[in-house]
Amino acid sequence: KAGAAQFIVWHHLAFYGPMADHARIIAPAVIDWLSSSA
């Protein structure tokens, strides 16, 4: 439960809001995975 909750928070951070769009250049593969598969 604790681990899944963290993935959900990070998924929504990557999927919603402009911060992830600007930060994507740092780790594009990670941001893309979080926004889709997480």
PDB file of all heavy atoms in Angstrom:
ATOM      1  N   LYS A   1       0.826  -1.210   0.000  1.00  0.00           N
ATOM      2  CA  LYS A   1       0.000   0.000   0.000  1.00  0.00           C
ATOM      3  C   LYS A   1       0.857   1.257   0.000  1.00  0.00           C
ATOM      4  O   LYS A   1       0.584   2.206  -0.746  1.00  0.00           O
ATOM      5  CB  LYS A   1      -0.929  -0.004   1.210  1.00  0.00           C
ATOM      6  CG  LYS A   1      -2.081  -0.976   1.112  1.00  0.00           C
ATOM      7  CD  LYS A   1      -2.758  -1.202   2.453  1.00  0.00           C
ATOM      8  CE  LYS A   1      -3.355   0.045   3.012  1.00  0.00           C
ATOM      9  NZ  LYS A   1      -4.059  -0.215   4.303  1.00  0.00           N
ATOM     10  N   ALA A   2       1.898   1.245   0.840  1.00  0.00           N
ATOM     11  CA  ALA A   2       2.776   2.417   0.905  1.00  0.00           C
ATOM     12  C   ALA A   2       3.475   2.654  -0.423  1.00  0.00           C
ATOM     13  O   ALA A   2       3.543   3.786  -0.918  1.00  0.00           O
ATOM     14  CB  ALA A   2       3.806   2.224   2.022  1.00  0.00           C
ATOM     15  N   GLY A   3       3.994   1.587  -1.035  1.00  0.00           N
ATOM     16  CA  GLY A   3       4.687   1.725  -2.315  1.00  0.00           C
ATOM     17  C   GLY A   3       3.760   2.144  -3.439  1.00  0.00           C
ATOM     18  O   GLY A   3       4.092   3.024  -4.243  1.00  0.00           O
ATOM     19  N   ALA A   4       2.566   1.517  -3.504  1.00  0.00           N
ATOM     20  CA  ALA A   4       1.616   1.853  -4.569  1.00  0.00           C
ATOM     21  C   ALA A   4       1.169   3.300  -4.465  1.00  0.00           C
ATOM     22  O   ALA A   4       0.985   3.985  -5.482  1.00  0.00           O
ATOM     23  CB  ALA A   4       0.408   0.920  -4.506  1.00  0.00           C
ATOM     24  N   ALA A   5       1.002   3.803  -3.245  1.00  0.00           N
ATOM     25  CA  ALA A   5       0.596   5.202  -3.066  1.00  0.00           C
ATOM     26  C   ALA A   5       1.643   6.150  -3.636  1.00  0.00           C
ATOM     27  O   ALA A   5       1.298   7.172  -4.247  1.00  0.00           O
ATOM     28  CB  ALA A   5       0.365   5.495  -1.582  1.00  0.00           C
ATOM     29  N   GLN A   6       2.928   5.810  -3.461  1.00  0.00           N
ATOM     30  CA  GLN A   6       3.981   6.678  -4.007  1.00  0.00           C
ATOM     31  C   GLN A   6       3.941   6.686  -5.533  1.00  0.00           C
ATOM     32  O   GLN A   6       4.107   7.738  -6.165  1.00  0.00           O
ATOM     33  CB  GLN A   6       5.373   6.223  -3.527  1.00  0.00           C
ATOM     34  CG  GLN A   6       5.501   6.012  -2.042  1.00  0.00           C
ATOM     35  CD  GLN A   6       4.912   7.137  -1.223  1.00  0.00           C
ATOM     36  OE1 GLN A   6       5.247   8.305  -1.408  1.00  0.00           O
ATOM     37  NE2 GLN A   6       4.022   6.784  -0.306  1.00  0.00           N
ATOM     38  N   PHE A   7       3.726   5.517  -6.127  1.00  0.00           N
ATOM     39  CA  PHE A   7       3.650   5.453  -7.590  1.00  0.00           C
ATOM     40  C   PHE A   7       2.467   6.256  -8.121  1.00  0.00           C
ATOM     41  O   PHE A   7       2.567   6.910  -9.168  1.00  0.00           O
ATOM     42  CB  PHE A   7       3.557   4.003  -8.062  1.00  0.00           C
ATOM     43  CG  PHE A   7       4.871   3.300  -8.122  1.00  0.00           C
ATOM     44  CD1 PHE A   7       5.172   2.280  -7.230  1.00  0.00           C
ATOM     45  CD2 PHE A   7       5.836   3.652  -9.069  1.00  0.00           C
ATOM     46  CE1 PHE A   7       6.398   1.623  -7.279  1.00  0.00           C
ATOM     47  CE2 PHE A   7       7.055   3.005  -9.123  1.00  0.00           C
ATOM     48  CZ  PHE A   7       7.343   1.996  -8.227  1.00  0.00           C
ATOM     49  N   ILE A   8       1.347   6.219  -7.400  1.00  0.00           N
ATOM     50  CA  ILE A   8       0.176   6.980  -7.835  1.00  0.00           C
ATOM     51  C   ILE A   8       0.461   8.476  -7.772  1.00  0.00           C
ATOM     52  O   ILE A   8       0.113   9.241  -8.685  1.00  0.00           O
ATOM     53  CB  ILE A   8      -1.052   6.622  -6.976  1.00  0.00           C
ATOM     54  CG1 ILE A   8      -1.472   5.165  -7.207  1.00  0.00           C
ATOM     55  CG2 ILE A   8      -2.210   7.560  -7.272  1.00  0.00           C
ATOM     56  CD1 ILE A   8      -1.869   4.857  -8.636  1.00  0.00           C
ATOM     57  N   VAL A   9       1.098   8.931  -6.689  1.00  0.00           N
ATOM     58  CA  VAL A   9       1.448  10.351  -6.577  1.00  0.00           C
ATOM     59  C   VAL A   9       2.360  10.766  -7.720  1.00  0.00           C
ATOM     60  O   VAL A   9       2.135  11.798  -8.380  1.00  0.00           O
ATOM     61  CB  VAL A   9       2.122  10.641  -5.218  1.00  0.00           C
ATOM     62  CG1 VAL A   9       2.637  12.083  -5.178  1.00  0.00           C
ATOM     63  CG2 VAL A   9       1.153  10.405  -4.064  1.00  0.00           C
ATOM     64  N   TRP A  10       3.386   9.972  -7.987  1.00  0.00           N
ATOM     65  CA  TRP A  10       4.325  10.317  -9.051  1.00  0.00           C
ATOM     66  C   TRP A  10       3.690  10.213 -10.437  1.00  0.00           C
ATOM     67  O   TRP A  10       4.029  10.983 -11.339  1.00  0.00           O
ATOM     68  CB  TRP A  10       5.578   9.446  -8.961  1.00  0.00           C
ATOM     69  CG  TRP A  10       6.554   9.967  -7.959  1.00  0.00           C
ATOM     70  CD1 TRP A  10       6.783   9.517  -6.696  1.00  0.00           C
ATOM     71  CD2 TRP A  10       7.415  11.101  -8.146  1.00  0.00           C
ATOM     72  NE1 TRP A  10       7.731  10.288  -6.083  1.00  0.00           N
ATOM     73  CE2 TRP A  10       8.137  11.266  -6.937  1.00  0.00           C
ATOM     74  CE3 TRP A  10       7.649  11.983  -9.189  1.00  0.00           C
ATOM     75  CZ2 TRP A  10       9.094  12.275  -6.770  1.00  0.00           C
ATOM     76  CZ3 TRP A  10       8.587  13.000  -9.019  1.00  0.00           C
ATOM     77  CH2 TRP A  10       9.295  13.139  -7.829  1.00  0.00           C
ATOM     78  N   HIS A  11       2.759   9.270 -10.601  1.00  0.00           N
ATOM     79  CA  HIS A  11       2.049   9.196 -11.881  1.00  0.00           C
ATOM     80  C   HIS A  11       1.276  10.479 -12.149  1.00  0.00           C
ATOM     81  O   HIS A  11       1.342  11.052 -13.250  1.00  0.00           O
ATOM     82  CB  HIS A  11       1.090   8.005 -11.885  1.00  0.00           C
ATOM     83  CG  HIS A  11       0.075   8.050 -12.983  1.00  0.00           C
ATOM     84  ND1 HIS A  11       0.414   8.017 -14.319  1.00  0.00           N
ATOM     85  CD2 HIS A  11      -1.279   8.181 -12.944  1.00  0.00           C
ATOM     86  CE1 HIS A  11      -0.677   8.097 -15.058  1.00  0.00           C
ATOM     87  NE2 HIS A  11      -1.723   8.206 -14.246  1.00  0.00           N
ATOM     88  N   HIS A  12       0.557  10.949 -11.140  1.00  0.00           N
ATOM     89  CA  HIS A  12      -0.223  12.171 -11.329  1.00  0.00           C
ATOM     90  C   HIS A  12       0.672  13.401 -11.472  1.00  0.00           C
ATOM     91  O   HIS A  12       0.331  14.340 -12.189  1.00  0.00           O
ATOM     92  CB  HIS A  12      -1.209  12.343 -10.172  1.00  0.00           C
ATOM     93  CG  HIS A  12      -2.315  11.348 -10.186  1.00  0.00           C
ATOM     94  ND1 HIS A  12      -2.941  10.888  -9.049  1.00  0.00           N
ATOM     95  CD2 HIS A  12      -2.907  10.700 -11.231  1.00  0.00           C
ATOM     96  CE1 HIS A  12      -3.875  10.027  -9.385  1.00  0.00           C
ATOM     97  NE2 HIS A  12      -3.879   9.888 -10.702  1.00  0.00           N
ATOM     98  N   LEU A  13       1.826  13.387 -10.800  1.00  0.00           N
ATOM     99  CA  LEU A  13       2.776  14.487 -10.991  1.00  0.00           C
ATOM    100  C   LEU A  13       3.292  14.521 -12.425  1.00  0.00           C
ATOM    101  O   LEU A  13       3.484  15.599 -13.004  1.00  0.00           O
ATOM    102  CB  LEU A  13       3.950  14.331 -10.024  1.00  0.00           C
ATOM    103  CG  LEU A  13       3.817  14.995  -8.648  1.00  0.00           C
ATOM    104  CD1 LEU A  13       4.983  14.591  -7.760  1.00  0.00           C
ATOM    105  CD2 LEU A  13       3.745  16.504  -8.786  1.00  0.00           C
ATOM    106  N   ALA A  14       3.555  13.336 -12.987  1.00  0.00           N
ATOM    107  CA  ALA A  14       4.081  13.277 -14.352  1.00  0.00           C
ATOM    108  C   ALA A  14       3.005  13.526 -15.396  1.00  0.00           C
ATOM    109  O   ALA A  14       3.284  14.071 -16.471  1.00  0.00           O
ATOM    110  CB  ALA A  14       4.746  11.918 -14.594  1.00  0.00           C
ATOM    111  N   PHE A  15       1.763  13.121 -15.092  1.00  0.00           N
ATOM    112  CA  PHE A  15       0.691  13.202 -16.074  1.00  0.00           C
ATOM    113  C   PHE A  15       0.009  14.567 -16.089  1.00  0.00           C
ATOM    114  O   PHE A  15      -0.376  15.062 -17.138  1.00  0.00           O
ATOM    115  CB  PHE A  15      -0.345  12.106 -15.788  1.00  0.00           C
ATOM    116  CG  PHE A  15      -1.378  11.939 -16.860  1.00  0.00           C
ATOM    117  CD1 PHE A  15      -1.097  11.209 -18.003  1.00  0.00           C
ATOM    118  CD2 PHE A  15      -2.641  12.511 -16.730  1.00  0.00           C
ATOM    119  CE1 PHE A  15      -2.051  11.053 -18.994  1.00  0.00           C
ATOM    120  CE2 PHE A  15      -3.593  12.361 -17.722  1.00  0.00           C
ATOM    121  CZ  PHE A  15      -3.301  11.629 -18.851  1.00  0.00           C
ATOM    122  N   TYR A  16      -0.159  15.152 -14.894  1.00  0.00           N
ATOM    123  CA  TYR A  16      -0.847  16.442 -14.779  1.00  0.00           C
ATOM    124  C   TYR A  16       0.160  17.544 -14.450  1.00  0.00           C
ATOM    125  O   TYR A  16       1.120  17.340 -13.736  1.00  0.00           O
ATOM    126  CB  TYR A  16      -1.904  16.402 -13.675  1.00  0.00           C
ATOM    127  CG  TYR A  16      -3.014  15.423 -13.922  1.00  0.00           C
ATOM    128  CD1 TYR A  16      -3.055  14.210 -13.244  1.00  0.00           C
ATOM    129  CD2 TYR A  16      -4.038  15.705 -14.812  1.00  0.00           C
ATOM    130  CE1 TYR A  16      -4.088  13.303 -13.447  1.00  0.00           C
ATOM    131  CE2 TYR A  16      -5.068  14.812 -15.033  1.00  0.00           C
ATOM    132  CZ  TYR A  16      -5.093  13.605 -14.345  1.00  0.00           C
ATOM    133  OH  TYR A  16      -6.103  12.718 -14.564  1.00  0.00           O
ATOM    134  N   GLY A  17      -0.125  18.712 -14.918  1.00  0.00           N
ATOM    135  CA  GLY A  17       0.664  19.879 -14.526  1.00  0.00           C
ATOM    136  C   GLY A  17       1.894  20.088 -15.378  1.00  0.00           C
ATOM    137  O   GLY A  17       2.487  19.136 -15.904  1.00  0.00           O
ATOM    138  N   PRO A  18       2.321  21.325 -15.506  1.00  0.00           N
ATOM    139  CA  PRO A  18       3.425  21.677 -16.412  1.00  0.00           C
ATOM    140  C   PRO A  18       4.815  21.391 -15.856  1.00  0.00           C
ATOM    141  O   PRO A  18       5.776  21.391 -16.616  1.00  0.00           O
ATOM    142  CB  PRO A  18       3.236  23.186 -16.614  1.00  0.00           C
ATOM    143  CG  PRO A  18       2.530  23.644 -15.379  1.00  0.00           C
ATOM    144  CD  PRO A  18       1.642  22.505 -14.960  1.00  0.00           C
ATOM    145  N   MET A  19       4.964  21.128 -14.553  1.00  0.00           N
ATOM    146  CA  MET A  19       6.309  20.898 -14.019  1.00  0.00           C
ATOM    147  C   MET A  19       6.984  19.728 -14.710  1.00  0.00           C
ATOM    148  O   MET A  19       8.167  19.793 -15.061  1.00  0.00           O
ATOM    149  CB  MET A  19       6.261  20.657 -12.499  1.00  0.00           C
ATOM    150  CG  MET A  19       6.009  21.891 -11.676  1.00  0.00           C
ATOM    151  SD  MET A  19       6.323  21.648  -9.903  1.00  0.00           S
ATOM    152  CE  MET A  19       5.241  20.271  -9.523  1.00  0.00           C
ATOM    153  N   ALA A  20       6.254  18.638 -14.896  1.00  0.00           N
ATOM    154  CA  ALA A  20       6.829  17.457 -15.531  1.00  0.00           C
ATOM    155  C   ALA A  20       7.230  17.734 -16.975  1.00  0.00           C
ATOM    156  O   ALA A  20       8.226  17.181 -17.467  1.00  0.00           O
ATOM    157  CB  ALA A  20       5.845  16.295 -15.474  1.00  0.00           C
ATOM    158  N   ASP A  21       6.466  18.583 -17.664  1.00  0.00           N
ATOM    159  CA  ASP A  21       6.810  18.926 -19.050  1.00  0.00           C
ATOM    160  C   ASP A  21       8.160  19.629 -19.117  1.00  0.00           C
ATOM    161  O   ASP A  21       8.967  19.363 -20.021  1.00  0.00           O
ATOM    162  CB  ASP A  21       5.719  19.820 -19.649  1.00  0.00           C
ATOM    163  CG  ASP A  21       4.363  19.126 -19.715  1.00  0.00           C
ATOM    164  OD1 ASP A  21       4.351  17.880 -19.772  1.00  0.00           O
ATOM    165  OD2 ASP A  21       3.329  19.824 -19.684  1.00  0.00           O
ATOM    166  N   HIS A  22       8.416  20.522 -18.178  1.00  0.00           N
ATOM    167  CA  HIS A  22       9.677  21.252 -18.173  1.00  0.00           C
ATOM    168  C   HIS A  22      10.828  20.387 -17.664  1.00  0.00           C
ATOM    169  O   HIS A  22      11.969  20.529 -18.125  1.00  0.00           O
ATOM    170  CB  HIS A  22       9.554  22.515 -17.312  1.00  0.00           C
ATOM    171  CG  HIS A  22       8.547  23.495 -17.811  1.00  0.00           C
ATOM    172  ND1 HIS A  22       8.582  24.021 -19.096  1.00  0.00           N
ATOM    173  CD2 HIS A  22       7.468  24.052 -17.202  1.00  0.00           C
ATOM    174  CE1 HIS A  22       7.571  24.858 -19.249  1.00  0.00           C
ATOM    175  NE2 HIS A  22       6.879  24.889 -18.121  1.00  0.00           N
ATOM    176  N   ALA A  23      10.543  19.490 -16.715  1.00  0.00           N
ATOM    177  CA  ALA A  23      11.596  18.659 -16.119  1.00  0.00           C
ATOM    178  C   ALA A  23      11.902  17.423 -16.947  1.00  0.00           C
ATOM    179  O   ALA A  23      12.884  16.729 -16.676  1.00  0.00           O
ATOM    180  CB  ALA A  23      11.193  18.248 -14.709  1.00  0.00           C
ATOM    181  N   ARG A  24      11.112  17.153 -17.954  1.00  0.00           N
ATOM    182  CA  ARG A  24      11.246  15.913 -18.720  1.00  0.00           C
ATOM    183  C   ARG A  24      12.619  15.772 -19.354  1.00  0.00           C
ATOM    184  O   ARG A  24      13.140  14.653 -19.503  1.00  0.00           O
ATOM    185  CB  ARG A  24      10.160  15.857 -19.800  1.00  0.00           C
ATOM    186  CG  ARG A  24      10.149  14.547 -20.587  1.00  0.00           C
ATOM    187  CD  ARG A  24       9.042  14.550 -21.627  1.00  0.00           C
ATOM    188  NE  ARG A  24       9.063  13.314 -22.400  1.00  0.00           N
ATOM    189  CZ  ARG A  24       9.855  13.093 -23.444  1.00  0.00           C
ATOM    190  NH1 ARG A  24      10.692  14.066 -23.854  1.00  0.00           N
ATOM    191  NH2 ARG A  24       9.830  11.934 -24.077  1.00  0.00           N
ATOM    192  N   ILE A  25      13.254  16.880 -19.717  1.00  0.00           N
ATOM    193  CA  ILE A  25      14.552  16.826 -20.383  1.00  0.00           C
ATOM    194  C   ILE A  25      15.617  16.182 -19.491  1.00  0.00           C
ATOM    195  O   ILE A  25      16.593  15.611 -19.982  1.00  0.00           O
ATOM    196  CB  ILE A  25      14.993  18.242 -20.817  1.00  0.00           C
ATOM    197  CG1 ILE A  25      16.192  18.158 -21.759  1.00  0.00           C
ATOM    198  CG2 ILE A  25      15.309  19.109 -19.602  1.00  0.00           C
ATOM    199  CD1 ILE A  25      16.563  19.499 -22.369  1.00  0.00           C
ATOM    200  N   ILE A  26      15.415  16.227 -18.170  1.00  0.00           N
ATOM    201  CA  ILE A  26      16.380  15.640 -17.236  1.00  0.00           C
ATOM    202  C   ILE A  26      16.339  14.120 -17.300  1.00  0.00           C
ATOM    203  O   ILE A  26      17.381  13.451 -17.314  1.00  0.00           O
ATOM    204  CB  ILE A  26      16.104  16.120 -15.796  1.00  0.00           C
ATOM    205  CG1 ILE A  26      16.235  17.643 -15.708  1.00  0.00           C
ATOM    206  CG2 ILE A  26      17.040  15.444 -14.804  1.00  0.00           C
ATOM    207  CD1 ILE A  26      15.842  18.200 -14.356  1.00  0.00           C
ATOM    208  N   ALA A  27      15.146  13.547 -17.320  1.00  0.00           N
ATOM    209  CA  ALA A  27      14.986  12.082 -17.346  1.00  0.00           C
ATOM    210  C   ALA A  27      13.746  11.740 -18.161  1.00  0.00           C
ATOM    211  O   ALA A  27      12.705  11.373 -17.607  1.00  0.00           O
ATOM    212  CB  ALA A  27      14.878  11.527 -15.929  1.00  0.00           C
ATOM    213  N   PRO A  28      13.828  11.845 -19.485  1.00  0.00           N
ATOM    214  CA  PRO A  28      12.628  11.649 -20.314  1.00  0.00           C
ATOM    215  C   PRO A  28      12.022  10.263 -20.190  1.00  0.00           C
ATOM    216  O   PRO A  28      10.799  10.123 -20.148  1.00  0.00           O
ATOM    217  CB  PRO A  28      13.141  11.912 -21.734  1.00  0.00           C
ATOM    218  CG  PRO A  28      14.626  11.749 -21.660  1.00  0.00           C
ATOM    219  CD  PRO A  28      15.011  12.189 -20.286  1.00  0.00           C
ATOM    220  N   ALA A  29      12.856   9.222 -20.115  1.00  0.00           N
ATOM    221  CA  ALA A  29      12.320   7.861 -20.027  1.00  0.00           C
ATOM    222  C   ALA A  29      11.552   7.664 -18.724  1.00  0.00           C
ATOM    223  O   ALA A  29      10.485   7.019 -18.700  1.00  0.00           O
ATOM    224  CB  ALA A  29      13.450   6.841 -20.144  1.00  0.00           C
ATOM    225  N   VAL A  30      12.086   8.202 -17.647  1.00  0.00           N
ATOM    226  CA  VAL A  30      11.425   8.060 -16.340  1.00  0.00           C
ATOM    227  C   VAL A  30      10.095   8.804 -16.326  1.00  0.00           C
ATOM    228  O   VAL A  30       9.070   8.268 -15.892  1.00  0.00           O
ATOM    229  CB  VAL A  30      12.342   8.569 -15.218  1.00  0.00           C
ATOM    230  CG1 VAL A  30      11.605   8.571 -13.877  1.00  0.00           C
ATOM    231  CG2 VAL A  30      13.600   7.715 -15.128  1.00  0.00           C
ATOM    232  N   ILE A  31      10.096  10.046 -16.793  1.00  0.00           N
ATOM    233  CA  ILE A  31       8.864  10.839 -16.812  1.00  0.00           C
ATOM    234  C   ILE A  31       7.813  10.172 -17.695  1.00  0.00           C
ATOM    235  O   ILE A  31       6.630  10.105 -17.332  1.00  0.00           O
ATOM    236  CB  ILE A  31       9.142  12.269 -17.304  1.00  0.00           C
ATOM    237  CG1 ILE A  31      10.085  13.003 -16.341  1.00  0.00           C
ATOM    238  CG2 ILE A  31       7.840  13.052 -17.459  1.00  0.00           C
ATOM    239  CD1 ILE A  31       9.519  13.258 -14.974  1.00  0.00           C
ATOM    240  N   ASP A  32       8.250   9.664 -18.866  1.00  0.00           N
ATOM    241  CA  ASP A  32       7.300   9.011 -19.762  1.00  0.00           C
ATOM    242  C   ASP A  32       6.697   7.767 -19.120  1.00  0.00           C
ATOM    243  O   ASP A  32       5.491   7.503 -19.255  1.00  0.00           O
ATOM    244  CB  ASP A  32       7.990   8.639 -21.076  1.00  0.00           C
ATOM    245  CG  ASP A  32       8.328   9.856 -21.917  1.00  0.00           C
ATOM    246  OD1 ASP A  32       7.788  10.942 -21.626  1.00  0.00           O
ATOM    247  OD2 ASP A  32       9.145   9.731 -22.851  1.00  0.00           O
ATOM    248  N   TRP A  33       7.526   6.973 -18.413  1.00  0.00           N
ATOM    249  CA  TRP A  33       7.010   5.757 -17.773  1.00  0.00           C
ATOM    250  C   TRP A  33       6.049   6.118 -16.647  1.00  0.00           C
ATOM    251  O   TRP A  33       4.981   5.496 -16.513  1.00  0.00           O
ATOM    252  CB  TRP A  33       8.168   4.928 -17.215  1.00  0.00           C
ATOM    253  CG  TRP A  33       7.699   3.636 -16.615  1.00  0.00           C
ATOM    254  CD1 TRP A  33       7.452   2.465 -17.250  1.00  0.00           C
ATOM    255  CD2 TRP A  33       7.382   3.410 -15.223  1.00  0.00           C
ATOM    256  NE1 TRP A  33       7.005   1.518 -16.357  1.00  0.00           N
ATOM    257  CE2 TRP A  33       6.951   2.064 -15.112  1.00  0.00           C
ATOM    258  CE3 TRP A  33       7.434   4.205 -14.085  1.00  0.00           C
ATOM    259  CZ2 TRP A  33       6.571   1.502 -13.894  1.00  0.00           C
ATOM    260  CZ3 TRP A  33       7.042   3.648 -12.862  1.00  0.00           C
ATOM    261  CH2 TRP A  33       6.627   2.325 -12.780  1.00  0.00           C
ATOM    262  N   LEU A  34       6.396   7.122 -15.868  1.00  0.00           N
ATOM    263  CA  LEU A  34       5.523   7.526 -14.771  1.00  0.00           C
ATOM    264  C   LEU A  34       4.181   8.049 -15.285  1.00  0.00           C
ATOM    265  O   LEU A  34       3.129   7.785 -14.693  1.00  0.00           O
ATOM    266  CB  LEU A  34       6.203   8.611 -13.927  1.00  0.00           C
ATOM    267  CG  LEU A  34       7.362   8.163 -13.035  1.00  0.00           C
ATOM    268  CD1 LEU A  34       8.058   9.376 -12.429  1.00  0.00           C
ATOM    269  CD2 LEU A  34       6.884   7.229 -11.936  1.00  0.00           C
ATOM    270  N   SER A  35       4.203   8.770 -16.382  1.00  0.00           N
ATOM    271  CA  SER A  35       2.968   9.358 -16.897  1.00  0.00           C
ATOM    272  C   SER A  35       2.056   8.338 -17.565  1.00  0.00           C
ATOM    273  O   SER A  35       0.856   8.585 -17.711  1.00  0.00           O
ATOM    274  CB  SER A  35       3.290  10.478 -17.890  1.00  0.00           C
ATOM    275  OG  SER A  35       3.914   9.954 -19.052  1.00  0.00           O
ATOM    276  N   SER A  36       2.608   7.184 -17.929  1.00  0.00           N
ATOM    277  CA  SER A  36       1.785   6.189 -18.622  1.00  0.00           C
ATOM    278  C   SER A  36       1.621   4.916 -17.792  1.00  0.00           C
ATOM    279  O   SER A  36       0.545   4.620 -17.280  1.00  0.00           O
ATOM    280  CB  SER A  36       2.396   5.856 -19.985  1.00  0.00           C
ATOM    281  OG  SER A  36       3.735   5.385 -19.832  1.00  0.00           O
ATOM    282  N   SER A  37       2.697   4.173 -17.603  1.00  0.00           N
ATOM    283  CA  SER A  37       2.597   2.836 -17.009  1.00  0.00           C
ATOM    284  C   SER A  37       2.403   2.834 -15.499  1.00  0.00           C
ATOM    285  O   SER A  37       1.840   1.881 -14.949  1.00  0.00           O
ATOM    286  CB  SER A  37       3.852   2.018 -17.362  1.00  0.00           C
ATOM    287  OG  SER A  37       3.984   1.882 -18.757  1.00  0.00           O
ATOM    288  N   ALA A  38       2.863   3.849 -14.799  1.00  0.00           N
ATOM    289  CA  ALA A  38       2.790   3.839 -13.329  1.00  0.00           C
ATOM    290  C   ALA A  38       1.359   3.820 -12.816  1.00  0.00           C
ATOM    291  O   ALA A  38       1.121   3.462 -11.659  1.00  0.00           O
ATOM    292  CB  ALA A  38       3.537   5.039 -12.756  1.00  0.00           C
TER     293      ALA A  38
END
